[in-house]
Amino acid sequence: MKFIFEALDTIRTKTWEAVAHLSEEQLHTIPDGLGNNIAWNLGHIVASQQGLCYRLGNAPLLIPTDFIEKYRKGTSPKEWTSKADINQIKEYYALTSIRFEEDYRSGLFANFTEYPTSMGVVLKNIDDAIVYNFGHENLHFGVILNLRKLV
């Protein structure tokens, strides 16, 4: 698992580096024909990790539930009444990255609840969830790179 945590740290760093130079307007632009923007994808990465690993691991969430609800699967910034707080996303992005391995090593996720994902993969334990989450974060990194070309 040491490798997967190193890889997660790398993908999180690369993702943030890919957007660091963008303006607030670019982060919030929803390209024509699409349903989300870069800001939503960044928040979704954090919210999904909390749901897949902490919620299913029956561990206390590191971020507020309302944040997770705002960025969960099936939501869109088209529904928002105000723009995303990029500084808040960045704060949660860092916190959930730093604490994740510590919480794993401490055994915090020992009471994991098995979960069938929408992709048809059954997560049976925290190790499964971490690997699945890594794939999910990579997917959204790719989405962010493509959105960056459109904004």
N, C-alpha and C. Protein backbone atom coordinates (compact mmCIF):
# COMPACT_ATOMS: atom_id res chain seq x y z
N MET A 1 0.82 -1.20 0.00
CA MET A 1 0.00 0.00 0.00
C MET A 1 0.86 1.27 0.00
N LYS A 2 2.13 1.12 0.37
CA LYS A 2 3.01 2.29 0.35
C LYS A 2 3.03 2.92 -1.04
N PHE A 3 3.12 2.09 -2.07
CA PHE A 3 3.15 2.59 -3.45
C PHE A 3 1.87 3.37 -3.78
N ILE A 4 0.72 2.84 -3.43
CA ILE A 4 -0.54 3.49 -3.82
C ILE A 4 -0.67 4.85 -3.13
N PHE A 5 -0.21 4.97 -1.90
CA PHE A 5 -0.27 6.27 -1.23
C PHE A 5 0.70 7.26 -1.87
N GLU A 6 1.87 6.80 -2.27
CA GLU A 6 2.81 7.66 -2.99
C GLU A 6 2.20 8.09 -4.33
N ALA A 7 1.55 7.15 -5.02
CA ALA A 7 0.91 7.47 -6.30
C ALA A 7 -0.24 8.45 -6.11
N LEU A 8 -1.02 8.28 -5.04
CA LEU A 8 -2.11 9.22 -4.76
C LEU A 8 -1.57 10.63 -4.51
N ASP A 9 -0.49 10.71 -3.73
CA ASP A 9 0.12 12.02 -3.48
C ASP A 9 0.59 12.64 -4.79
N THR A 10 1.17 11.84 -5.66
CA THR A 10 1.66 12.34 -6.94
C THR A 10 0.52 12.85 -7.81
N ILE A 11 -0.55 12.08 -7.93
CA ILE A 11 -1.65 12.50 -8.80
C ILE A 11 -2.32 13.74 -8.23
N ARG A 12 -2.43 13.84 -6.91
CA ARG A 12 -3.01 15.05 -6.32
C ARG A 12 -2.13 16.27 -6.61
N THR A 13 -0.82 16.10 -6.48
CA THR A 13 0.10 17.20 -6.77
C THR A 13 0.02 17.61 -8.23
N LYS A 14 0.05 16.64 -9.12
CA LYS A 14 -0.01 16.93 -10.56
C LYS A 14 -1.34 17.58 -10.94
N THR A 15 -2.41 17.15 -10.33
CA THR A 15 -3.72 17.73 -10.62
C THR A 15 -3.74 19.20 -10.22
N TRP A 16 -3.28 19.50 -9.02
CA TRP A 16 -3.30 20.90 -8.58
C TRP A 16 -2.35 21.74 -9.41
N GLU A 17 -1.18 21.21 -9.76
CA GLU A 17 -0.24 21.94 -10.62
C GLU A 17 -0.87 22.27 -11.98
N ALA A 18 -1.71 21.37 -12.47
CA ALA A 18 -2.34 21.57 -13.78
C ALA A 18 -3.32 22.73 -13.81
N VAL A 19 -3.82 23.12 -12.64
CA VAL A 19 -4.83 24.19 -12.59
C VAL A 19 -4.36 25.44 -11.86
N ALA A 20 -3.19 25.39 -11.28
CA ALA A 20 -2.71 26.49 -10.43
C ALA A 20 -2.65 27.83 -11.16
N HIS A 21 -2.39 27.81 -12.44
CA HIS A 21 -2.24 29.05 -13.21
C HIS A 21 -3.57 29.57 -13.77
N LEU A 22 -4.64 28.83 -13.59
CA LEU A 22 -5.93 29.23 -14.17
C LEU A 22 -6.61 30.30 -13.31
N SER A 23 -7.37 31.13 -13.96
CA SER A 23 -8.13 32.17 -13.26
C SER A 23 -9.39 31.58 -12.64
N GLU A 24 -9.99 32.34 -11.73
CA GLU A 24 -11.27 31.94 -11.13
C GLU A 24 -12.31 31.69 -12.23
N GLU A 25 -12.32 32.56 -13.20
CA GLU A 25 -13.27 32.42 -14.30
C GLU A 25 -13.07 31.11 -15.05
N GLN A 26 -11.82 30.77 -15.34
CA GLN A 26 -11.53 29.53 -16.03
C GLN A 26 -11.93 28.31 -15.19
N LEU A 27 -11.66 28.36 -13.90
CA LEU A 27 -12.01 27.25 -13.02
C LEU A 27 -13.51 27.02 -12.94
N HIS A 28 -14.28 28.08 -13.15
CA HIS A 28 -15.74 27.99 -13.02
C HIS A 28 -16.47 27.91 -14.37
N THR A 29 -15.75 27.98 -15.47
CA THR A 29 -16.39 27.92 -16.78
C THR A 29 -16.86 26.49 -17.08
N ILE A 30 -18.11 26.37 -17.46
CA ILE A 30 -18.66 25.10 -17.91
C ILE A 30 -18.72 25.16 -19.43
N PRO A 31 -17.85 24.41 -20.10
CA PRO A 31 -17.85 24.45 -21.57
C PRO A 31 -19.20 24.02 -22.15
N ASP A 32 -19.54 24.59 -23.29
CA ASP A 32 -20.80 24.26 -23.97
C ASP A 32 -20.94 22.75 -24.13
N GLY A 33 -22.11 22.27 -23.80
CA GLY A 33 -22.42 20.85 -23.96
C GLY A 33 -21.98 19.97 -22.81
N LEU A 34 -21.31 20.54 -21.82
CA LEU A 34 -20.84 19.76 -20.68
C LEU A 34 -21.61 20.16 -19.42
N GLY A 35 -21.51 19.36 -18.39
CA GLY A 35 -22.28 19.61 -17.17
C GLY A 35 -21.48 20.08 -15.99
N ASN A 36 -20.15 20.03 -16.09
CA ASN A 36 -19.32 20.40 -14.94
C ASN A 36 -18.12 21.22 -15.37
N ASN A 37 -17.44 21.75 -14.37
CA ASN A 37 -16.26 22.58 -14.61
C ASN A 37 -15.07 22.03 -13.83
N ILE A 38 -13.96 22.71 -13.92
CA ILE A 38 -12.75 22.27 -13.22
C ILE A 38 -12.94 22.34 -11.71
N ALA A 39 -13.55 23.40 -11.22
CA ALA A 39 -13.78 23.53 -9.77
C ALA A 39 -14.58 22.35 -9.24
N TRP A 40 -15.65 21.98 -9.96
CA TRP A 40 -16.46 20.85 -9.52
C TRP A 40 -15.63 19.58 -9.49
N ASN A 41 -14.82 19.34 -10.52
CA ASN A 41 -14.00 18.13 -10.55
C ASN A 41 -13.03 18.07 -9.38
N LEU A 42 -12.43 19.20 -9.01
CA LEU A 42 -11.53 19.22 -7.86
C LEU A 42 -12.27 18.88 -6.58
N GLY A 43 -13.43 19.49 -6.39
CA GLY A 43 -14.24 19.19 -5.20
C GLY A 43 -14.73 17.75 -5.19
N HIS A 44 -15.07 17.26 -6.37
CA HIS A 44 -15.57 15.88 -6.50
C HIS A 44 -14.50 14.86 -6.12
N ILE A 45 -13.27 15.14 -6.45
CA ILE A 45 -12.17 14.24 -6.08
C ILE A 45 -12.12 14.08 -4.56
N VAL A 46 -12.21 15.20 -3.86
CA VAL A 46 -12.18 15.18 -2.40
C VAL A 46 -13.42 14.49 -1.83
N ALA A 47 -14.58 14.87 -2.33
CA ALA A 47 -15.84 14.31 -1.81
C ALA A 47 -15.90 12.79 -2.04
N SER A 48 -15.44 12.35 -3.18
CA SER A 48 -15.49 10.92 -3.48
C SER A 48 -14.56 10.12 -2.59
N GLN A 49 -13.37 10.64 -2.33
CA GLN A 49 -12.45 9.94 -1.43
C GLN A 49 -13.07 9.80 -0.05
N GLN A 50 -13.74 10.85 0.40
CA GLN A 50 -14.38 10.79 1.71
C GLN A 50 -15.51 9.76 1.74
N GLY A 51 -16.28 9.71 0.68
CA GLY A 51 -17.37 8.74 0.62
C GLY A 51 -16.88 7.31 0.48
N LEU A 52 -15.97 7.09 -0.48
CA LEU A 52 -15.49 5.74 -0.76
C LEU A 52 -14.67 5.15 0.38
N CYS A 53 -13.89 5.97 1.04
CA CYS A 53 -12.98 5.44 2.05
C CYS A 53 -13.43 5.72 3.48
N TYR A 54 -13.78 6.94 3.78
CA TYR A 54 -14.15 7.27 5.15
C TYR A 54 -15.58 6.83 5.48
N ARG A 55 -16.53 7.19 4.64
CA ARG A 55 -17.92 6.81 4.94
C ARG A 55 -18.07 5.30 4.92
N LEU A 56 -17.57 4.65 3.84
CA LEU A 56 -17.67 3.20 3.78
C LEU A 56 -16.79 2.51 4.82
N GLY A 57 -15.74 3.20 5.25
CA GLY A 57 -14.86 2.67 6.29
C GLY A 57 -15.39 2.94 7.69
N ASN A 58 -16.59 3.53 7.77
CA ASN A 58 -17.22 3.85 9.05
C ASN A 58 -16.30 4.67 9.95
N ALA A 59 -15.63 5.62 9.32
CA ALA A 59 -14.71 6.52 10.01
C ALA A 59 -15.26 7.94 9.95
N PRO A 60 -14.91 8.79 10.91
CA PRO A 60 -15.37 10.18 10.87
C PRO A 60 -14.86 10.90 9.62
N LEU A 61 -15.75 11.62 8.97
CA LEU A 61 -15.38 12.39 7.79
C LEU A 61 -14.44 13.53 8.19
N LEU A 62 -13.53 13.88 7.30
CA LEU A 62 -12.60 14.97 7.56
C LEU A 62 -13.16 16.32 7.12
N ILE A 63 -14.20 16.29 6.32
CA ILE A 63 -14.79 17.51 5.79
C ILE A 63 -16.30 17.50 6.02
N PRO A 64 -16.93 18.66 5.98
CA PRO A 64 -18.37 18.72 6.25
C PRO A 64 -19.21 17.94 5.23
N THR A 65 -20.28 17.37 5.71
CA THR A 65 -21.20 16.61 4.87
C THR A 65 -21.77 17.45 3.75
N ASP A 66 -22.04 18.74 4.02
CA ASP A 66 -22.62 19.59 2.97
C ASP A 66 -21.65 19.77 1.79
N PHE A 67 -20.35 19.75 2.06
CA PHE A 67 -19.36 19.81 0.97
C PHE A 67 -19.47 18.54 0.12
N ILE A 68 -19.54 17.40 0.78
CA ILE A 68 -19.65 16.13 0.07
C ILE A 68 -20.92 16.10 -0.77
N GLU A 69 -22.01 16.56 -0.22
CA GLU A 69 -23.28 16.58 -0.97
C GLU A 69 -23.20 17.49 -2.19
N LYS A 70 -22.51 18.61 -2.06
CA LYS A 70 -22.38 19.56 -3.16
C LYS A 70 -21.61 18.98 -4.34
N TYR A 71 -20.64 18.11 -4.06
CA TYR A 71 -19.74 17.59 -5.09
C TYR A 71 -19.92 16.10 -5.38
N ARG A 72 -20.93 15.49 -4.82
CA ARG A 72 -21.11 14.06 -5.03
C ARG A 72 -21.49 13.77 -6.48
N LYS A 73 -21.39 12.51 -6.84
CA LYS A 73 -21.75 12.06 -8.18
C LYS A 73 -23.18 12.50 -8.50
N GLY A 74 -23.36 12.99 -9.71
CA GLY A 74 -24.68 13.40 -10.15
C GLY A 74 -25.01 14.86 -9.91
N THR A 75 -24.13 15.59 -9.25
CA THR A 75 -24.36 17.02 -9.02
C THR A 75 -23.69 17.83 -10.13
N SER A 76 -24.04 19.10 -10.19
CA SER A 76 -23.48 19.98 -11.22
C SER A 76 -23.43 21.41 -10.70
N PRO A 77 -22.39 22.16 -11.07
CA PRO A 77 -22.35 23.57 -10.68
C PRO A 77 -23.45 24.39 -11.35
N LYS A 78 -24.14 23.81 -12.32
CA LYS A 78 -25.28 24.51 -12.91
C LYS A 78 -26.38 24.71 -11.88
N GLU A 79 -26.36 23.91 -10.81
CA GLU A 79 -27.36 23.99 -9.73
C GLU A 79 -26.95 24.98 -8.63
N TRP A 80 -25.72 25.45 -8.66
CA TRP A 80 -25.22 26.30 -7.58
C TRP A 80 -25.76 27.72 -7.68
N THR A 81 -25.91 28.36 -6.52
CA THR A 81 -26.31 29.76 -6.48
C THR A 81 -25.11 30.68 -6.35
N SER A 82 -23.94 30.11 -6.03
CA SER A 82 -22.70 30.88 -5.96
C SER A 82 -21.54 30.01 -6.43
N LYS A 83 -20.43 30.64 -6.76
CA LYS A 83 -19.26 29.90 -7.24
C LYS A 83 -18.62 29.11 -6.10
N ALA A 84 -17.87 28.10 -6.49
CA ALA A 84 -17.14 27.30 -5.52
C ALA A 84 -16.05 28.14 -4.87
N ASP A 85 -15.77 27.87 -3.62
CA ASP A 85 -14.69 28.52 -2.90
C ASP A 85 -13.41 27.72 -3.16
N ILE A 86 -12.61 28.19 -4.08
CA ILE A 86 -11.40 27.46 -4.49
C ILE A 86 -10.43 27.29 -3.32
N ASN A 87 -10.32 28.29 -2.46
CA ASN A 87 -9.43 28.16 -1.31
C ASN A 87 -9.90 27.05 -0.37
N GLN A 88 -11.22 26.91 -0.20
CA GLN A 88 -11.75 25.84 0.63
C GLN A 88 -11.46 24.48 0.00
N ILE A 89 -11.67 24.38 -1.30
CA ILE A 89 -11.37 23.12 -1.99
C ILE A 89 -9.90 22.77 -1.81
N LYS A 90 -9.02 23.76 -1.98
CA LYS A 90 -7.58 23.52 -1.85
C LYS A 90 -7.24 23.06 -0.43
N GLU A 91 -7.87 23.68 0.57
CA GLU A 91 -7.64 23.30 1.97
C GLU A 91 -8.07 21.84 2.20
N TYR A 92 -9.26 21.49 1.74
CA TYR A 92 -9.76 20.12 1.91
C TYR A 92 -8.94 19.12 1.10
N TYR A 93 -8.50 19.55 -0.06
CA TYR A 93 -7.67 18.72 -0.93
C TYR A 93 -6.39 18.32 -0.20
N ALA A 94 -5.76 19.30 0.45
CA ALA A 94 -4.52 19.04 1.19
C ALA A 94 -4.79 18.19 2.43
N LEU A 95 -5.79 18.57 3.21
CA LEU A 95 -6.11 17.86 4.45
C LEU A 95 -6.40 16.39 4.19
N THR A 96 -7.24 16.11 3.19
CA THR A 96 -7.62 14.73 2.94
C THR A 96 -6.48 13.91 2.36
N SER A 97 -5.52 14.57 1.78
CA SER A 97 -4.34 13.88 1.27
C SER A 97 -3.38 13.54 2.42
N ILE A 98 -3.14 14.51 3.27
CA ILE A 98 -2.20 14.33 4.39
C ILE A 98 -2.69 13.28 5.38
N ARG A 99 -3.94 13.35 5.74
CA ARG A 99 -4.49 12.48 6.79
C ARG A 99 -4.78 11.06 6.32
N PHE A 100 -4.98 10.86 5.05
CA PHE A 100 -5.44 9.59 4.53
C PHE A 100 -4.53 8.42 4.92
N GLU A 101 -3.25 8.53 4.62
CA GLU A 101 -2.34 7.42 4.95
C GLU A 101 -2.23 7.23 6.46
N GLU A 102 -2.18 8.33 7.21
CA GLU A 102 -2.13 8.23 8.67
C GLU A 102 -3.33 7.45 9.20
N ASP A 103 -4.50 7.80 8.71
CA ASP A 103 -5.72 7.14 9.16
C ASP A 103 -5.74 5.67 8.76
N TYR A 104 -5.24 5.37 7.58
CA TYR A 104 -5.16 3.98 7.12
C TYR A 104 -4.23 3.19 8.03
N ARG A 105 -3.04 3.72 8.27
CA ARG A 105 -2.04 3.02 9.09
C ARG A 105 -2.53 2.80 10.53
N SER A 106 -3.39 3.71 11.00
CA SER A 106 -3.89 3.57 12.38
C SER A 106 -5.02 2.55 12.50
N GLY A 107 -5.49 2.01 11.38
CA GLY A 107 -6.56 1.02 11.42
C GLY A 107 -7.95 1.62 11.49
N LEU A 108 -8.06 2.90 11.16
CA LEU A 108 -9.33 3.61 11.28
C LEU A 108 -10.45 3.01 10.43
N PHE A 109 -10.10 2.33 9.36
CA PHE A 109 -11.10 1.83 8.42
C PHE A 109 -11.39 0.34 8.59
N ALA A 110 -11.17 -0.18 9.78
CA ALA A 110 -11.30 -1.62 10.03
C ALA A 110 -12.73 -2.15 9.84
N ASN A 111 -13.72 -1.31 10.01
CA ASN A 111 -15.12 -1.75 9.93
C ASN A 111 -15.74 -1.35 8.60
N PHE A 112 -15.08 -1.68 7.53
CA PHE A 112 -15.50 -1.29 6.19
C PHE A 112 -16.81 -1.98 5.81
N THR A 113 -17.71 -1.22 5.18
CA THR A 113 -18.98 -1.75 4.69
C THR A 113 -18.84 -2.05 3.20
N GLU A 114 -19.04 -3.30 2.83
CA GLU A 114 -18.93 -3.70 1.42
C GLU A 114 -19.88 -2.86 0.57
N TYR A 115 -19.41 -2.52 -0.64
CA TYR A 115 -20.19 -1.60 -1.47
C TYR A 115 -20.03 -1.93 -2.96
N PRO A 116 -21.16 -2.14 -3.67
CA PRO A 116 -21.08 -2.32 -5.12
C PRO A 116 -21.09 -0.95 -5.81
N THR A 117 -20.05 -0.65 -6.55
CA THR A 117 -19.96 0.65 -7.23
C THR A 117 -20.86 0.68 -8.46
N SER A 118 -21.06 1.87 -9.00
CA SER A 118 -21.86 2.02 -10.21
C SER A 118 -21.19 1.37 -11.42
N MET A 119 -19.90 1.07 -11.31
CA MET A 119 -19.16 0.40 -12.39
C MET A 119 -19.29 -1.11 -12.30
N GLY A 120 -19.97 -1.60 -11.26
CA GLY A 120 -20.15 -3.04 -11.09
C GLY A 120 -19.03 -3.71 -10.33
N VAL A 121 -18.13 -2.93 -9.76
CA VAL A 121 -17.04 -3.45 -8.95
C VAL A 121 -17.48 -3.42 -7.49
N VAL A 122 -17.29 -4.52 -6.78
CA VAL A 122 -17.65 -4.57 -5.36
C VAL A 122 -16.41 -4.27 -4.53
N LEU A 123 -16.51 -3.22 -3.73
CA LEU A 123 -15.42 -2.88 -2.81
C LEU A 123 -15.66 -3.67 -1.52
N LYS A 124 -14.75 -4.59 -1.22
CA LYS A 124 -14.95 -5.48 -0.08
C LYS A 124 -14.23 -5.02 1.17
N ASN A 125 -13.22 -4.15 0.99
CA ASN A 125 -12.44 -3.69 2.14
C ASN A 125 -11.79 -2.35 1.78
N ILE A 126 -11.11 -1.77 2.73
CA ILE A 126 -10.51 -0.45 2.51
C ILE A 126 -9.43 -0.49 1.42
N ASP A 127 -8.69 -1.57 1.32
CA ASP A 127 -7.67 -1.66 0.28
C ASP A 127 -8.31 -1.58 -1.11
N ASP A 128 -9.43 -2.28 -1.29
CA ASP A 128 -10.16 -2.19 -2.55
C ASP A 128 -10.60 -0.75 -2.82
N ALA A 129 -11.11 -0.10 -1.78
CA ALA A 129 -11.61 1.27 -1.93
C ALA A 129 -10.48 2.24 -2.29
N ILE A 130 -9.32 2.05 -1.70
CA ILE A 130 -8.18 2.93 -1.98
C ILE A 130 -7.73 2.77 -3.44
N VAL A 131 -7.65 1.55 -3.91
CA VAL A 131 -7.25 1.32 -5.30
C VAL A 131 -8.31 1.89 -6.24
N TYR A 132 -9.57 1.67 -5.94
CA TYR A 132 -10.66 2.20 -6.77
C TYR A 132 -10.61 3.73 -6.77
N ASN A 133 -10.40 4.32 -5.60
CA ASN A 133 -10.30 5.77 -5.49
C ASN A 133 -9.14 6.31 -6.33
N PHE A 134 -8.02 5.61 -6.34
CA PHE A 134 -6.88 6.04 -7.15
C PHE A 134 -7.26 6.10 -8.63
N GLY A 135 -7.94 5.08 -9.11
CA GLY A 135 -8.40 5.09 -10.49
C GLY A 135 -9.36 6.24 -10.75
N HIS A 136 -10.24 6.49 -9.80
CA HIS A 136 -11.21 7.58 -9.92
C HIS A 136 -10.51 8.94 -9.97
N GLU A 137 -9.51 9.14 -9.14
CA GLU A 137 -8.78 10.41 -9.15
C GLU A 137 -8.04 10.60 -10.47
N ASN A 138 -7.50 9.53 -11.02
CA ASN A 138 -6.84 9.61 -12.32
C ASN A 138 -7.83 9.96 -13.42
N LEU A 139 -9.00 9.38 -13.37
CA LEU A 139 -10.04 9.68 -14.35
C LEU A 139 -10.36 11.17 -14.34
N HIS A 140 -10.54 11.73 -13.14
CA HIS A 140 -10.88 13.15 -13.06
C HIS A 140 -9.69 14.06 -13.37
N PHE A 141 -8.47 13.58 -13.16
CA PHE A 141 -7.30 14.32 -13.61
C PHE A 141 -7.36 14.47 -15.13
N GLY A 142 -7.68 13.38 -15.82
CA GLY A 142 -7.83 13.44 -17.27
C GLY A 142 -8.94 14.38 -17.70
N VAL A 143 -10.05 14.35 -17.00
CA VAL A 143 -11.16 15.26 -17.31
C VAL A 143 -10.70 16.70 -17.13
N ILE A 144 -10.00 16.97 -16.05
CA ILE A 144 -9.51 18.33 -15.78
C ILE A 144 -8.55 18.78 -16.89
N LEU A 145 -7.67 17.91 -17.32
CA LEU A 145 -6.75 18.27 -18.41
C LEU A 145 -7.51 18.62 -19.69
N ASN A 146 -8.56 17.87 -19.97
CA ASN A 146 -9.37 18.17 -21.16
C ASN A 146 -10.16 19.46 -20.98
N LEU A 147 -10.75 19.67 -19.82
CA LEU A 147 -11.49 20.91 -19.56
C LEU A 147 -10.56 22.12 -19.67
N ARG A 148 -9.35 21.96 -19.23
CA ARG A 148 -8.38 23.05 -19.28
C ARG A 148 -8.17 23.55 -20.71
N LYS A 149 -8.23 22.64 -21.66
CA LYS A 149 -8.08 23.02 -23.08
C LYS A 149 -9.29 23.82 -23.59
N LEU A 150 -10.42 23.65 -22.94
CA LEU A 150 -11.66 24.27 -23.41
C LEU A 150 -11.98 25.61 -22.74
N VAL A 151 -11.25 25.92 -21.69
CA VAL A 151 -11.54 27.17 -20.97
C VAL A 151 -10.46 28.20 -21.25
